[in-house]
Amino acid sequence: LGLAVCYDLRFPELSQVLRQRGAQLLCYPSAFTESTGAAHWELLLRTRAVETQTYVFAAAQIGRHSAKRSSYGDAMIVDPWGTVVARCSRNTTEPALAVAEINLDYLDKVRREMPIFNHRRTDIFPEYAA
């Protein structure tokens, strides 16, 4: 399990390193703002899942915290193919829970059938070498 925070989602290098170190699951607890959440939240989560071939868990605060701050919410679980397999409703500010089956055999199948980590160009980008 690789752990990061919501802003880390914007930097793919961290998720790549976590995958290199053996992560099968990535977790991004979040307090994305309403505007950036609406524009980027799901897109970035699905992208991190696809490019690392991991399950991505995204816990997310929702609702107004103060007169100047509110969080977007939209907690979800994304599979290694980029499919959202569970999510919490965005129509409530009540606590909610997203639940999904995590199938490590499926994760291995995705990695075996599309072995992107074997195709990494560490000769060009040595900072990403194992």
C-alpha atoms as a PDB file:
ATOM      1  CA  LEU A   1       0.000   0.000   0.000  1.00  0.00           C
ATOM      2  CA  GLY A   2       1.481   3.310  -1.104  1.00  0.00           C
ATOM      3  CA  LEU A   3       0.347   6.383   0.812  1.00  0.00           C
ATOM      4  CA  ALA A   4       0.292   9.985  -0.352  1.00  0.00           C
ATOM      5  CA  VAL A   5      -1.931  13.061   0.062  1.00  0.00           C
ATOM      6  CA  CYS A   6      -4.261  14.790  -2.352  1.00  0.00           C
ATOM      7  CA  TYR A   7      -1.789  17.368  -3.704  1.00  0.00           C
ATOM      8  CA  ASP A   8       0.680  14.535  -4.444  1.00  0.00           C
ATOM      9  CA  LEU A   9      -1.833  13.285  -7.006  1.00  0.00           C
ATOM     10  CA  ARG A  10      -0.632  16.052  -9.332  1.00  0.00           C
ATOM     11  CA  PHE A  11       2.910  14.616  -9.460  1.00  0.00           C
ATOM     12  CA  PRO A  12       3.076  11.217 -11.177  1.00  0.00           C
ATOM     13  CA  GLU A  13       6.666  10.572 -10.084  1.00  0.00           C
ATOM     14  CA  LEU A  14       5.622   9.680  -6.538  1.00  0.00           C
ATOM     15  CA  SER A  15       3.079   7.101  -7.672  1.00  0.00           C
ATOM     16  CA  GLN A  16       5.664   5.637 -10.068  1.00  0.00           C
ATOM     17  CA  VAL A  17       8.193   5.242  -7.240  1.00  0.00           C
ATOM     18  CA  LEU A  18       5.568   3.673  -4.975  1.00  0.00           C
ATOM     19  CA  ARG A  19       4.722   1.172  -7.718  1.00  0.00           C
ATOM     20  CA  GLN A  20       8.437   0.436  -8.276  1.00  0.00           C
ATOM     21  CA  ARG A  21       8.722  -0.309  -4.569  1.00  0.00           C
ATOM     22  CA  GLY A  22       5.961  -2.898  -4.817  1.00  0.00           C
ATOM     23  CA  ALA A  23       2.714  -1.010  -4.232  1.00  0.00           C
ATOM     24  CA  GLN A  24      -0.400  -2.732  -5.510  1.00  0.00           C
ATOM     25  CA  LEU A  25      -2.687  -0.141  -3.939  1.00  0.00           C
ATOM     26  CA  LEU A  26      -2.331   3.638  -3.715  1.00  0.00           C
ATOM     27  CA  CYS A  27      -4.261   5.771  -1.247  1.00  0.00           C
ATOM     28  CA  TYR A  28      -4.896   9.517  -1.569  1.00  0.00           C
ATOM     29  CA  PRO A  29      -6.885  11.060   1.297  1.00  0.00           C
ATOM     30  CA  SER A  30      -8.168  14.401   0.048  1.00  0.00           C
ATOM     31  CA  ALA A  31      -9.464  17.849   0.745  1.00  0.00           C
ATOM     32  CA  PHE A  32      -9.621  19.037  -2.898  1.00  0.00           C
ATOM     33  CA  THR A  33     -11.361  22.383  -3.324  1.00  0.00           C
ATOM     34  CA  GLU A  34     -14.674  22.554  -5.172  1.00  0.00           C
ATOM     35  CA  SER A  35     -13.172  24.088  -8.334  1.00  0.00           C
ATOM     36  CA  THR A  36     -10.094  21.876  -8.651  1.00  0.00           C
ATOM     37  CA  GLY A  37     -12.052  18.806  -7.602  1.00  0.00           C
ATOM     38  CA  ALA A  38     -14.673  19.309 -10.290  1.00  0.00           C
ATOM     39  CA  ALA A  39     -11.993  19.830 -12.942  1.00  0.00           C
ATOM     40  CA  HIS A  40      -9.290  17.330 -11.994  1.00  0.00           C
ATOM     41  CA  TRP A  41     -10.124  14.899  -9.160  1.00  0.00           C
ATOM     42  CA  GLU A  42     -11.510  11.873 -11.037  1.00  0.00           C
ATOM     43  CA  LEU A  43      -9.268  12.478 -14.049  1.00  0.00           C
ATOM     44  CA  LEU A  44      -6.091  12.395 -11.933  1.00  0.00           C
ATOM     45  CA  LEU A  45      -7.197   9.379  -9.890  1.00  0.00           C
ATOM     46  CA  ARG A  46      -7.994   7.315 -12.962  1.00  0.00           C
ATOM     47  CA  THR A  47      -4.754   8.406 -14.605  1.00  0.00           C
ATOM     48  CA  ARG A  48      -2.652   7.348 -11.600  1.00  0.00           C
ATOM     49  CA  ALA A  49      -4.434   3.962 -11.555  1.00  0.00           C
ATOM     50  CA  VAL A  50      -3.805   3.336 -15.257  1.00  0.00           C
ATOM     51  CA  GLU A  51      -0.198   4.489 -15.376  1.00  0.00           C
ATOM     52  CA  THR A  52       0.798   2.513 -12.280  1.00  0.00           C
ATOM     53  CA  GLN A  53      -1.575  -0.422 -12.785  1.00  0.00           C
ATOM     54  CA  THR A  54      -2.684  -0.218  -9.164  1.00  0.00           C
ATOM     55  CA  TYR A  55      -5.949   0.085  -7.293  1.00  0.00           C
ATOM     56  CA  VAL A  56      -6.410   3.680  -6.159  1.00  0.00           C
ATOM     57  CA  PHE A  57      -8.341   4.555  -3.015  1.00  0.00           C
ATOM     58  CA  ALA A  58      -9.445   8.151  -2.675  1.00  0.00           C
ATOM     59  CA  ALA A  59     -10.989   9.170   0.628  1.00  0.00           C
ATOM     60  CA  ALA A  60     -12.357  12.682   0.290  1.00  0.00           C
ATOM     61  CA  GLN A  61     -13.653  15.343   2.634  1.00  0.00           C
ATOM     62  CA  ILE A  62     -16.867  16.945   1.448  1.00  0.00           C
ATOM     63  CA  GLY A  63     -18.765  20.067   2.367  1.00  0.00           C
ATOM     64  CA  ARG A  64     -18.158  23.480   3.885  1.00  0.00           C
ATOM     65  CA  HIS A  65     -15.439  23.786   6.538  1.00  0.00           C
ATOM     66  CA  SER A  66     -15.575  27.562   7.009  1.00  0.00           C
ATOM     67  CA  ALA A  67     -16.862  30.661   5.263  1.00  0.00           C
ATOM     68  CA  LYS A  68     -13.869  30.498   2.893  1.00  0.00           C
ATOM     69  CA  ARG A  69     -13.278  26.760   2.461  1.00  0.00           C
ATOM     70  CA  SER A  70     -15.242  23.784   1.196  1.00  0.00           C
ATOM     71  CA  SER A  71     -14.109  20.423  -0.118  1.00  0.00           C
ATOM     72  CA  TYR A  72     -15.261  18.679  -3.273  1.00  0.00           C
ATOM     73  CA  GLY A  73     -15.687  15.136  -1.953  1.00  0.00           C
ATOM     74  CA  ASP A  74     -16.342  12.339  -4.457  1.00  0.00           C
ATOM     75  CA  ALA A  75     -14.520   9.561  -2.607  1.00  0.00           C
ATOM     76  CA  MET A  76     -13.943   6.574  -4.877  1.00  0.00           C
ATOM     77  CA  ILE A  77     -12.040   3.395  -5.620  1.00  0.00           C
ATOM     78  CA  VAL A  78     -10.468   2.925  -9.063  1.00  0.00           C
ATOM     79  CA  ASP A  79      -9.184  -0.370 -10.449  1.00  0.00           C
ATOM     80  CA  PRO A  80      -5.877  -0.883 -12.352  1.00  0.00           C
ATOM     81  CA  TRP A  81      -7.662  -0.498 -15.693  1.00  0.00           C
ATOM     82  CA  GLY A  82      -8.976   2.945 -14.681  1.00  0.00           C
ATOM     83  CA  THR A  83     -12.556   1.931 -13.993  1.00  0.00           C
ATOM     84  CA  VAL A  84     -14.293   3.538 -11.022  1.00  0.00           C
ATOM     85  CA  VAL A  85     -15.531   0.464  -9.129  1.00  0.00           C
ATOM     86  CA  ALA A  86     -17.090   2.264  -6.144  1.00  0.00           C
ATOM     87  CA  ARG A  87     -17.826   5.834  -5.100  1.00  0.00           C
ATOM     88  CA  CYS A  88     -19.647   7.838  -2.485  1.00  0.00           C
ATOM     89  CA  SER A  89     -22.546  10.058  -3.435  1.00  0.00           C
ATOM     90  CA  ARG A  90     -21.746  13.707  -4.050  1.00  0.00           C
ATOM     91  CA  ASN A  91     -25.372  14.616  -3.229  1.00  0.00           C
ATOM     92  CA  THR A  92     -24.830  14.544   0.521  1.00  0.00           C
ATOM     93  CA  THR A  93     -22.506  15.933   3.138  1.00  0.00           C
ATOM     94  CA  GLU A  94     -23.250  12.998   5.427  1.00  0.00           C
ATOM     95  CA  PRO A  95     -20.467  10.484   6.078  1.00  0.00           C
ATOM     96  CA  ALA A  96     -20.478   7.685   3.513  1.00  0.00           C
ATOM     97  CA  LEU A  97     -18.463   4.603   2.667  1.00  0.00           C
ATOM     98  CA  ALA A  98     -17.382   3.188  -0.698  1.00  0.00           C
ATOM     99  CA  VAL A  99     -16.731  -0.550  -0.769  1.00  0.00           C
ATOM    100  CA  ALA A 100     -15.274  -2.669  -3.579  1.00  0.00           C
ATOM    101  CA  GLU A 101     -13.721  -6.081  -3.966  1.00  0.00           C
ATOM    102  CA  ILE A 102      -9.983  -5.888  -4.535  1.00  0.00           C
ATOM    103  CA  ASN A 103      -8.889  -8.669  -6.844  1.00  0.00           C
ATOM    104  CA  LEU A 104      -5.117  -9.080  -6.859  1.00  0.00           C
ATOM    105  CA  ASP A 105      -5.410 -11.804  -9.520  1.00  0.00           C
ATOM    106  CA  TYR A 106      -7.018  -9.194 -11.787  1.00  0.00           C
ATOM    107  CA  LEU A 107      -4.254  -6.721 -10.945  1.00  0.00           C
ATOM    108  CA  ASP A 108      -1.631  -9.344 -11.880  1.00  0.00           C
ATOM    109  CA  LYS A 109      -3.511 -10.080 -15.127  1.00  0.00           C
ATOM    110  CA  VAL A 110      -3.524  -6.391 -16.105  1.00  0.00           C
ATOM    111  CA  ARG A 111       0.203  -6.133 -15.377  1.00  0.00           C
ATOM    112  CA  ARG A 112       1.006  -9.385 -17.210  1.00  0.00           C
ATOM    113  CA  GLU A 113      -1.028  -8.547 -20.330  1.00  0.00           C
ATOM    114  CA  MET A 114       0.315  -4.999 -20.578  1.00  0.00           C
ATOM    115  CA  PRO A 115       3.758  -5.046 -18.902  1.00  0.00           C
ATOM    116  CA  ILE A 116       4.341  -1.296 -19.034  1.00  0.00           C
ATOM    117  CA  PHE A 117       6.912  -1.334 -16.236  1.00  0.00           C
ATOM    118  CA  ASN A 118       9.098  -3.648 -18.345  1.00  0.00           C
ATOM    119  CA  HIS A 119       8.974  -1.070 -21.144  1.00  0.00           C
ATOM    120  CA  ARG A 120      10.101   1.941 -19.106  1.00  0.00           C
ATOM    121  CA  ARG A 121      12.941   3.862 -20.758  1.00  0.00           C
ATOM    122  CA  THR A 122      15.332   4.183 -17.822  1.00  0.00           C
ATOM    123  CA  ASP A 123      18.140   4.740 -20.360  1.00  0.00           C
ATOM    124  CA  ILE A 124      16.477   8.058 -21.225  1.00  0.00           C
ATOM    125  CA  PHE A 125      15.082   8.810 -17.766  1.00  0.00           C
ATOM    126  CA  PRO A 126      17.629   7.317 -15.348  1.00  0.00           C
ATOM    127  CA  GLU A 127      15.991   8.949 -12.340  1.00  0.00           C
ATOM    128  CA  TYR A 128      13.217   6.368 -12.735  1.00  0.00           C
ATOM    129  CA  ALA A 129      15.506   3.339 -12.733  1.00  0.00           C
ATOM    130  CA  ALA A 130      14.699   0.695 -10.145  1.00  0.00           C
END
